[in-house]
PDB file of N, CA and C in Angstrom:
ATOM      1  N   MET A   1      95.273 139.822  97.128  1.00  0.00           N
ATOM      2  CA  MET A   1      96.286 139.013  97.761  1.00  0.00           C
ATOM      3  C   MET A   1      95.663 137.983  98.706  1.00  0.00           C
ATOM      4  N   TRP A   2      94.763 138.434  99.576  1.00  0.00           N
ATOM      5  CA  TRP A   2      94.119 137.502 100.510  1.00  0.00           C
ATOM      6  C   TRP A   2      93.255 136.498  99.775  1.00  0.00           C
ATOM      7  N   GLN A   3      92.617 136.935  98.716  1.00  0.00           N
ATOM      8  CA  GLN A   3      91.785 136.015  97.949  1.00  0.00           C
ATOM      9  C   GLN A   3      92.620 134.898  97.344  1.00  0.00           C
ATOM     10  N   THR A   4      93.769 135.215  96.841  1.00  0.00           N
ATOM     11  CA  THR A   4      94.647 134.204  96.260  1.00  0.00           C
ATOM     12  C   THR A   4      95.098 133.205  97.321  1.00  0.00           C
ATOM     13  N   LEU A   5      95.429 133.689  98.495  1.00  0.00           N
ATOM     14  CA  LEU A   5      95.854 132.822  99.588  1.00  0.00           C
ATOM     15  C   LEU A   5      94.720 131.904 100.036  1.00  0.00           C
ATOM     16  N   ILE A   6      93.528 132.438 100.157  1.00  0.00           N
ATOM     17  CA  ILE A   6      92.367 131.632 100.576  1.00  0.00           C
ATOM     18  C   ILE A   6      92.035 130.584  99.523  1.00  0.00           C
ATOM     19  N   VAL A   7      92.037 130.960  98.253  1.00  0.00           N
ATOM     20  CA  VAL A   7      91.754 129.998  97.183  1.00  0.00           C
ATOM     21  C   VAL A   7      92.820 128.910  97.143  1.00  0.00           C
ATOM     22  N   THR A   8      94.075 129.285  97.366  1.00  0.00           N
ATOM     23  CA  THR A   8      95.154 128.295  97.394  1.00  0.00           C
ATOM     24  C   THR A   8      94.953 127.301  98.528  1.00  0.00           C
ATOM     25  N   LEU A   9      94.561 127.772  99.702  1.00  0.00           N
ATOM     26  CA  LEU A   9      94.297 126.875 100.833  1.00  0.00           C
ATOM     27  C   LEU A   9      93.107 125.952 100.566  1.00  0.00           C
ATOM     28  N   ILE A  10      92.078 126.462  99.925  1.00  0.00           N
ATOM     29  CA  ILE A  10      90.907 125.636  99.608  1.00  0.00           C
ATOM     30  C   ILE A  10      91.273 124.557  98.597  1.00  0.00           C
ATOM     31  N   VAL A  11      92.035 124.914  97.586  1.00  0.00           N
ATOM     32  CA  VAL A  11      92.449 123.931  96.575  1.00  0.00           C
ATOM     33  C   VAL A  11      93.370 122.884  97.192  1.00  0.00           C
ATOM     34  N   ALA A  12      94.266 123.302  98.079  1.00  0.00           N
ATOM     35  CA  ALA A  12      95.153 122.345  98.745  1.00  0.00           C
ATOM     36  C   ALA A  12      94.353 121.386  99.626  1.00  0.00           C
ATOM     37  N   ALA A  13      93.350 121.896 100.333  1.00  0.00           N
ATOM     38  CA  ALA A  13      92.510 121.025 101.164  1.00  0.00           C
ATOM     39  C   ALA A  13      91.711 120.054 100.300  1.00  0.00           C
ATOM     40  N   ALA A  14      91.214 120.513  99.167  1.00  0.00           N
ATOM     41  CA  ALA A  14      90.474 119.626  98.268  1.00  0.00           C
ATOM     42  C   ALA A  14      91.386 118.545  97.689  1.00  0.00           C
ATOM     43  N   LEU A  15      92.605 118.900  97.358  1.00  0.00           N
ATOM     44  CA  LEU A  15      93.568 117.928  96.839  1.00  0.00           C
ATOM     45  C   LEU A  15      93.926 116.901  97.907  1.00  0.00           C
ATOM     46  N   LEU A  16      94.119 117.346  99.140  1.00  0.00           N
ATOM     47  CA  LEU A  16      94.410 116.421 100.229  1.00  0.00           C
ATOM     48  C   LEU A  16      93.237 115.471 100.457  1.00  0.00           C
ATOM     49  N   HIS A  17      92.022 115.979 100.427  1.00  0.00           N
ATOM     50  CA  HIS A  17      90.841 115.132 100.597  1.00  0.00           C
ATOM     51  C   HIS A  17      90.740 114.108  99.471  1.00  0.00           C
ATOM     52  N   PHE A  18      90.986 114.532  98.254  1.00  0.00           N
ATOM     53  CA  PHE A  18      90.951 113.612  97.123  1.00  0.00           C
ATOM     54  C   PHE A  18      91.999 112.516  97.274  1.00  0.00           C
ATOM     55  N   CYS A  19      93.210 112.912  97.679  1.00  0.00           N
ATOM     56  CA  CYS A  19      94.300 111.935  97.821  1.00  0.00           C
ATOM     57  C   CYS A  19      94.029 110.938  98.933  1.00  0.00           C
ATOM     58  N   THR A  20      93.370 111.356 100.001  1.00  0.00           N
ATOM     59  CA  THR A  20      93.137 110.452 101.123  1.00  0.00           C
ATOM     60  C   THR A  20      91.921 109.565 100.921  1.00  0.00           C
ATOM     61  N   LYS A  21      91.040 109.934 100.013  1.00  0.00           N
ATOM     62  CA  LYS A  21      89.798 109.163  99.894  1.00  0.00           C
ATOM     63  C   LYS A  21      89.644 108.420  98.573  1.00  0.00           C
ATOM     64  N   TYR A  22      90.000 109.028  97.473  1.00  0.00           N
ATOM     65  CA  TYR A  22      89.637 108.481  96.175  1.00  0.00           C
ATOM     66  C   TYR A  22      90.789 107.826  95.397  1.00  0.00           C
ATOM     67  N   LEU A  23      92.023 107.993  95.823  1.00  0.00           N
ATOM     68  CA  LEU A  23      93.135 107.346  95.130  1.00  0.00           C
ATOM     69  C   LEU A  23      93.171 105.860  95.463  1.00  0.00           C
ATOM     70  N   PRO A  24      93.664 105.026  94.567  1.00  0.00           N
ATOM     71  CA  PRO A  24      93.812 103.604  94.884  1.00  0.00           C
ATOM     72  C   PRO A  24      94.802 103.401  96.035  1.00  0.00           C
ATOM     73  N   VAL A  25      94.671 102.260  96.709  1.00  0.00           N
ATOM     74  CA  VAL A  25      95.488 101.986  97.884  1.00  0.00           C
ATOM     75  C   VAL A  25      96.975 101.980  97.540  1.00  0.00           C
ATOM     76  N   GLY A  26      97.342 101.457  96.387  1.00  0.00           N
ATOM     77  CA  GLY A  26      98.752 101.430  95.995  1.00  0.00           C
ATOM     78  C   GLY A  26      99.332 102.830  95.864  1.00  0.00           C
ATOM     79  N   ALA A  27      98.557 103.746  95.307  1.00  0.00           N
ATOM     80  CA  ALA A  27      99.034 105.129  95.169  1.00  0.00           C
ATOM     81  C   ALA A  27      99.144 105.798  96.530  1.00  0.00           C
ATOM     82  N   ARG A  28      98.184 105.523  97.424  1.00  0.00           N
ATOM     83  CA  ARG A  28      98.262 106.099  98.769  1.00  0.00           C
ATOM     84  C   ARG A  28      99.466 105.556  99.530  1.00  0.00           C
ATOM     85  N   ARG A  29      99.774 104.264  99.340  1.00  0.00           N
ATOM     86  CA  ARG A  29     100.964 103.690  99.986  1.00  0.00           C
ATOM     87  C   ARG A  29     102.237 104.359  99.470  1.00  0.00           C
ATOM     88  N   ALA A  30     102.283 104.628  98.174  1.00  0.00           N
ATOM     89  CA  ALA A  30     103.454 105.293  97.599  1.00  0.00           C
ATOM     90  C   ALA A  30     103.595 106.715  98.152  1.00  0.00           C
ATOM     91  N   ILE A  31     102.488 107.409  98.330  1.00  0.00           N
ATOM     92  CA  ILE A  31     102.533 108.758  98.898  1.00  0.00           C
ATOM     93  C   ILE A  31     103.046 108.701 100.331  1.00  0.00           C
ATOM     94  N   VAL A  32     102.534 107.733 101.126  1.00  0.00           N
ATOM     95  CA  VAL A  32     102.989 107.594 102.511  1.00  0.00           C
ATOM     96  C   VAL A  32     104.476 107.273 102.549  1.00  0.00           C
ATOM     97  N   ARG A  33     104.919 106.387 101.678  1.00  0.00           N
ATOM     98  CA  ARG A  33     106.337 106.019 101.626  1.00  0.00           C
ATOM     99  C   ARG A  33     107.197 107.251 101.315  1.00  0.00           C
ATOM    100  N   GLY A  34     106.751 108.073 100.378  1.00  0.00           N
ATOM    101  CA  GLY A  34     107.496 109.283 100.038  1.00  0.00           C
ATOM    102  C   GLY A  34     107.510 110.299 101.173  1.00  0.00           C
ATOM    103  N   LEU A  35     106.387 110.444 101.867  1.00  0.00           N
ATOM    104  CA  LEU A  35     106.340 111.384 102.982  1.00  0.00           C
ATOM    105  C   LEU A  35     107.196 110.909 104.151  1.00  0.00           C
ATOM    106  N   VAL A  36     107.254 109.593 104.359  1.00  0.00           N
ATOM    107  CA  VAL A  36     108.104 109.057 105.428  1.00  0.00           C
ATOM    108  C   VAL A  36     109.572 109.298 105.106  1.00  0.00           C
ATOM    109  N   ARG A  37     109.947 109.184 103.841  1.00  0.00           N
ATOM    110  CA  ARG A  37     111.336 109.468 103.448  1.00  0.00           C
ATOM    111  C   ARG A  37     111.699 110.933 103.685  1.00  0.00           C
ATOM    112  N   CYS A  38     110.694 111.817 103.605  1.00  0.00           N
ATOM    113  CA  CYS A  38     110.945 113.240 103.853  1.00  0.00           C
ATOM    114  C   CYS A  38     111.041 113.564 105.335  1.00  0.00           C
ATOM    115  N   GLY A  39     110.776 112.575 106.202  1.00  0.00           N
ATOM    116  CA  GLY A  39     110.950 112.792 107.631  1.00  0.00           C
ATOM    117  C   GLY A  39     109.660 112.904 108.422  1.00  0.00           C
ATOM    118  N   LEU A  40     108.507 112.674 107.819  1.00  0.00           N
ATOM    119  CA  LEU A  40     107.256 112.752 108.554  1.00  0.00           C
ATOM    120  C   LEU A  40     106.985 111.438 109.283  1.00  0.00           C
ATOM    121  N   ASN A  41     106.102 111.489 110.268  1.00  0.00           N
ATOM    122  CA  ASN A  41     105.779 110.333 111.091  1.00  0.00           C
ATOM    123  C   ASN A  41     104.956 109.325 110.289  1.00  0.00           C
ATOM    124  N   GLU A  42     105.417 108.079 110.233  1.00  0.00           N
ATOM    125  CA  GLU A  42     104.746 107.044 109.441  1.00  0.00           C
ATOM    126  C   GLU A  42     103.372 106.700 109.995  1.00  0.00           C
ATOM    127  N   ALA A  43     103.238 106.628 111.303  1.00  0.00           N
ATOM    128  CA  ALA A  43     101.953 106.254 111.906  1.00  0.00           C
ATOM    129  C   ALA A  43     100.882 107.300 111.606  1.00  0.00           C
ATOM    130  N   LYS A  44     101.231 108.567 111.721  1.00  0.00           N
ATOM    131  CA  LYS A  44     100.255 109.638 111.468  1.00  0.00           C
ATOM    132  C   LYS A  44      99.875 109.697 109.987  1.00  0.00           C
ATOM    133  N   MET A  45     100.845 109.535 109.109  1.00  0.00           N
ATOM    134  CA  MET A  45     100.554 109.565 107.679  1.00  0.00           C
ATOM    135  C   MET A  45      99.717 108.359 107.263  1.00  0.00           C
ATOM    136  N   SER A  46      99.942 107.209 107.881  1.00  0.00           N
ATOM    137  CA  SER A  46      99.163 106.018 107.567  1.00  0.00           C
ATOM    138  C   SER A  46      97.710 106.195 107.980  1.00  0.00           C
ATOM    139  N   VAL A  47      97.494 106.830 109.121  1.00  0.00           N
ATOM    140  CA  VAL A  47      96.118 107.099 109.563  1.00  0.00           C
ATOM    141  C   VAL A  47      95.462 108.112 108.635  1.00  0.00           C
ATOM    142  N   LEU A  48      96.194 109.157 108.262  1.00  0.00           N
ATOM    143  CA  LEU A  48      95.642 110.192 107.388  1.00  0.00           C
ATOM    144  C   LEU A  48      95.256 109.635 106.024  1.00  0.00           C
ATOM    145  N   PHE A  49      96.115 108.778 105.448  1.00  0.00           N
ATOM    146  CA  PHE A  49      95.855 108.231 104.125  1.00  0.00           C
ATOM    147  C   PHE A  49      95.136 106.885 104.154  1.00  0.00           C
ATOM    148  N   LYS A  50      94.740 106.434 105.356  1.00  0.00           N
ATOM    149  CA  LYS A  50      93.928 105.222 105.539  1.00  0.00           C
ATOM    150  C   LYS A  50      94.580 103.974 104.940  1.00  0.00           C
ATOM    151  N   VAL A  51      95.857 103.763 105.256  1.00  0.00           N
ATOM    152  CA  VAL A  51      96.564 102.542 104.888  1.00  0.00           C
ATOM    153  C   VAL A  51      97.138 101.942 106.160  1.00  0.00           C
ATOM    154  N   ALA A  52      97.468 100.657 106.121  1.00  0.00           N
ATOM    155  CA  ALA A  52      98.060 100.001 107.283  1.00  0.00           C
ATOM    156  C   ALA A  52      99.419 100.620 107.570  1.00  0.00           C
ATOM    157  N   PRO A  53      99.766 100.836 108.844  1.00  0.00           N
ATOM    158  CA  PRO A  53     101.008 101.530 109.159  1.00  0.00           C
ATOM    159  C   PRO A  53     102.257 100.827 108.667  1.00  0.00           C
ATOM    160  N   GLY A  54     102.245  99.512 108.523  1.00  0.00           N
ATOM    161  CA  GLY A  54     103.427  98.804 108.072  1.00  0.00           C
ATOM    162  C   GLY A  54     103.667  98.917 106.581  1.00  0.00           C
ATOM    163  N   CYS A  55     102.722  99.416 105.839  1.00  0.00           N
ATOM    164  CA  CYS A  55     102.832  99.437 104.382  1.00  0.00           C
ATOM    165  C   CYS A  55     103.840 100.465 103.890  1.00  0.00           C
ATOM    166  N   GLY A  56     104.137 101.478 104.658  1.00  0.00           N
ATOM    167  CA  GLY A  56     105.081 102.483 104.217  1.00  0.00           C
ATOM    168  C   GLY A  56     106.522 102.052 104.391  1.00  0.00           C
ATOM    169  N   SER A  57     106.768 101.095 105.284  1.00  0.00           N
ATOM    170  CA  SER A  57     108.145 100.710 105.565  1.00  0.00           C
ATOM    171  C   SER A  57     108.654  99.622 104.637  1.00  0.00           C
ATOM    172  N   GLY A  58     107.776  98.959 103.911  1.00  0.00           N
ATOM    173  CA  GLY A  58     108.204  97.919 103.001  1.00  0.00           C
ATOM    174  C   GLY A  58     108.379  96.561 103.637  1.00  0.00           C
ATOM    175  N   CYS A  59     107.773  96.343 104.828  1.00  0.00           N
ATOM    176  CA  CYS A  59     107.944  95.055 105.503  1.00  0.00           C
ATOM    177  C   CYS A  59     107.136  93.960 104.813  1.00  0.00           C
ATOM    178  N   GLY A  60     106.087  94.333 104.087  1.00  0.00           N
ATOM    179  CA  GLY A  60     105.323  93.354 103.325  1.00  0.00           C
ATOM    180  C   GLY A  60     104.156  92.747 104.075  1.00  0.00           C
ATOM    181  N   SER A  61     103.946  93.110 105.341  1.00  0.00           N
ATOM    182  CA  SER A  61     102.847  92.490 106.085  1.00  0.00           C
ATOM    183  C   SER A  61     101.511  93.142 105.738  1.00  0.00           C
ATOM    184  N   CYS A  62     101.471  94.442 105.650  1.00  0.00           N
ATOM    185  CA  CYS A  62     100.273  95.208 105.278  1.00  0.00           C
ATOM    186  C   CYS A  62      99.050  94.801 106.082  1.00  0.00           C
ATOM    187  N   GLY A  63      99.219  94.609 107.372  1.00  0.00           N
ATOM    188  CA  GLY A  63      98.087  94.344 108.245  1.00  0.00           C
ATOM    189  C   GLY A  63      97.666  92.899 108.306  1.00  0.00           C
ATOM    190  N   SER A  64      98.414  91.983 107.731  1.00  0.00           N
ATOM    191  CA  SER A  64      98.008  90.589 107.766  1.00  0.00           C
ATOM    192  C   SER A  64      98.120  90.011 109.170  1.00  0.00           C
ATOM    193  N   CYS A  65      98.906  90.641 110.029  1.00  0.00           N
ATOM    194  CA  CYS A  65      99.035  90.169 111.417  1.00  0.00           C
ATOM    195  C   CYS A  65      97.829  90.561 112.250  1.00  0.00           C
ATOM    196  N   ASP A  66      97.102  91.576 111.828  1.00  0.00           N
ATOM    197  CA  ASP A  66      95.976  92.080 112.603  1.00  0.00           C
ATOM    198  C   ASP A  66      94.676  91.430 112.147  1.00  0.00           C
ATOM    199  N   THR A  67      94.514  90.156 112.432  1.00  0.00           N
ATOM    200  CA  THR A  67      93.269  89.485 112.069  1.00  0.00           C
ATOM    201  C   THR A  67      92.246  89.727 113.160  1.00  0.00           C
ATOM    202  N   PRO A  68      91.018  90.087 112.810  1.00  0.00           N
ATOM    203  CA  PRO A  68      90.016  90.364 113.829  1.00  0.00           C
ATOM    204  C   PRO A  68      89.562  89.084 114.520  1.00  0.00           C
ATOM    205  N   ALA A  69      89.213  89.218 115.791  1.00  0.00           N
ATOM    206  CA  ALA A  69      88.735  88.078 116.555  1.00  0.00           C
ATOM    207  C   ALA A  69      87.325  87.701 116.090  1.00  0.00           C
ATOM    208  N   PRO A  70      86.993  86.415 116.066  1.00  0.00           N
ATOM    209  CA  PRO A  70      85.648  86.024 115.673  1.00  0.00           C
ATOM    210  C   PRO A  70      84.638  86.517 116.707  1.00  0.00           C
ATOM    211  N   PRO A  71      83.422  86.825 116.263  1.00  0.00           N
ATOM    212  CA  PRO A  71      82.426  87.329 117.214  1.00  0.00           C
ATOM    213  C   PRO A  71      82.060  86.249 118.236  1.00  0.00           C
ATOM    214  N   SER A  72      81.963  86.659 119.476  1.00  0.00           N
ATOM    215  CA  SER A  72      81.627  85.708 120.533  1.00  0.00           C
ATOM    216  C   SER A  72      80.113  85.599 120.682  1.00  0.00           C
ATOM    217  N   ALA A  73      79.689  84.562 121.374  1.00  0.00           N
ATOM    218  CA  ALA A  73      78.254  84.310 121.542  1.00  0.00           C
ATOM    219  C   ALA A  73      77.628  85.251 122.558  1.00  0.00           C
ATOM    220  N   ASP A  74      78.422  85.851 123.446  1.00  0.00           N
ATOM    221  CA  ASP A  74      77.868  86.696 124.493  1.00  0.00           C
ATOM    222  C   ASP A  74      77.870  88.183 124.130  1.00  0.00           C
ATOM    223  N   ASP A  75      77.991  88.528 122.862  1.00  0.00           N
ATOM    224  CA  ASP A  75      78.014  89.939 122.488  1.00  0.00           C
ATOM    225  C   ASP A  75      76.621  90.507 122.243  1.00  0.00           C
ATOM    226  N   GLY A  76      75.588  89.799 122.637  1.00  0.00           N
ATOM    227  CA  GLY A  76      74.236  90.310 122.517  1.00  0.00           C
ATOM    228  C   GLY A  76      73.659  90.197 121.124  1.00  0.00           C
ATOM    229  N   GLY A  77      74.213  89.364 120.286  1.00  0.00           N
ATOM    230  CA  GLY A  77      73.693  89.173 118.942  1.00  0.00           C
ATOM    231  C   GLY A  77      74.179  90.202 117.950  1.00  0.00           C
ATOM    232  N   ALA A  78      75.132  91.035 118.344  1.00  0.00           N
ATOM    233  CA  ALA A  78      75.628  92.072 117.444  1.00  0.00           C
ATOM    234  C   ALA A  78      76.410  91.472 116.283  1.00  0.00           C
ATOM    235  N   GLY A  79      76.994  90.291 116.470  1.00  0.00           N
ATOM    236  CA  GLY A  79      77.789  89.682 115.421  1.00  0.00           C
ATOM    237  C   GLY A  79      76.979  88.845 114.453  1.00  0.00           C
ATOM    238  N   LYS A  80      75.685  88.670 114.713  1.00  0.00           N
ATOM    239  CA  LYS A  80      74.848  87.841 113.850  1.00  0.00           C
ATOM    240  C   LYS A  80      74.452  88.627 112.606  1.00  0.00           C
ATOM    241  N   LYS A  81      74.394  87.921 111.497  1.00  0.00           N
ATOM    242  CA  LYS A  81      73.955  88.549 110.249  1.00  0.00           C
ATOM    243  C   LYS A  81      72.456  88.347 110.105  1.00  0.00           C
ATOM    244  N   ARG A  82      71.796  89.384 109.680  1.00  0.00           N
ATOM    245  CA  ARG A  82      70.363  89.286 109.443  1.00  0.00           C
ATOM    246  C   ARG A  82      70.128  89.100 107.958  1.00  0.00           C
ATOM    247  N   VAL A  83      69.208  88.242 107.625  1.00  0.00           N
ATOM    248  CA  VAL A  83      68.895  87.949 106.231  1.00  0.00           C
ATOM    249  C   VAL A  83      67.457  88.374 105.971  1.00  0.00           C
ATOM    250  N   ILE A  84      67.246  89.141 104.931  1.00  0.00           N
ATOM    251  CA  ILE A  84      65.912  89.556 104.545  1.00  0.00           C
ATOM    252  C   ILE A  84      65.485  88.689 103.386  1.00  0.00           C
ATOM    253  N   LEU A  85      64.450  87.906 103.591  1.00  0.00           N
ATOM    254  CA  LEU A  85      63.957  87.014 102.539  1.00  0.00           C
ATOM    255  C   LEU A  85      63.016  87.778 101.627  1.00  0.00           C
ATOM    256  N   MET A  86      63.179  87.559 100.340  1.00  0.00           N
ATOM    257  CA  MET A  86      62.337  88.232  99.359  1.00  0.00           C
ATOM    258  C   MET A  86      61.646  87.182  98.511  1.00  0.00           C
ATOM    259  N   GLN A  87      60.403  87.445  98.165  1.00  0.00           N
ATOM    260  CA  GLN A  87      59.655  86.541  97.322  1.00  0.00           C
ATOM    261  C   GLN A  87      59.691  87.068  95.895  1.00  0.00           C
ATOM    262  N   VAL A  88      60.058  86.175  94.965  1.00  0.00           N
ATOM    263  CA  VAL A  88      60.136  86.561  93.563  1.00  0.00           C
ATOM    264  C   VAL A  88      58.833  86.137  92.905  1.00  0.00           C
ATOM    265  N   GLN A  89      58.150  87.099  92.289  1.00  0.00           N
ATOM    266  CA  GLN A  89      56.916  86.778  91.589  1.00  0.00           C
ATOM    267  C   GLN A  89      57.205  86.691  90.095  1.00  0.00           C
ATOM    268  N   ARG A  90      56.766  85.599  89.512  1.00  0.00           N
ATOM    269  CA  ARG A  90      56.981  85.410  88.077  1.00  0.00           C
ATOM    270  C   ARG A  90      55.678  85.289  87.374  1.00  0.00           C
TER     271      ARG A  90
END
């Protein structure tokens, strides 16, 4: 009996991990939308399934309002891209 319960919990955790990491974004949005309809918190489900919080409500923004600020010059060079030059021998 305990073995069945433990195996069931392990399989459920593996399924949850698969759904949150490897499913396409559209499928994860559909899962979040369905869970929100069942009464769960949209913000928490969006964080768990790694989608923008507005995507479950159908507003259509999907994070387009959250544009990142451009890197400033006083950030210590953290925003600069480094380029590694390679020599091609023929």
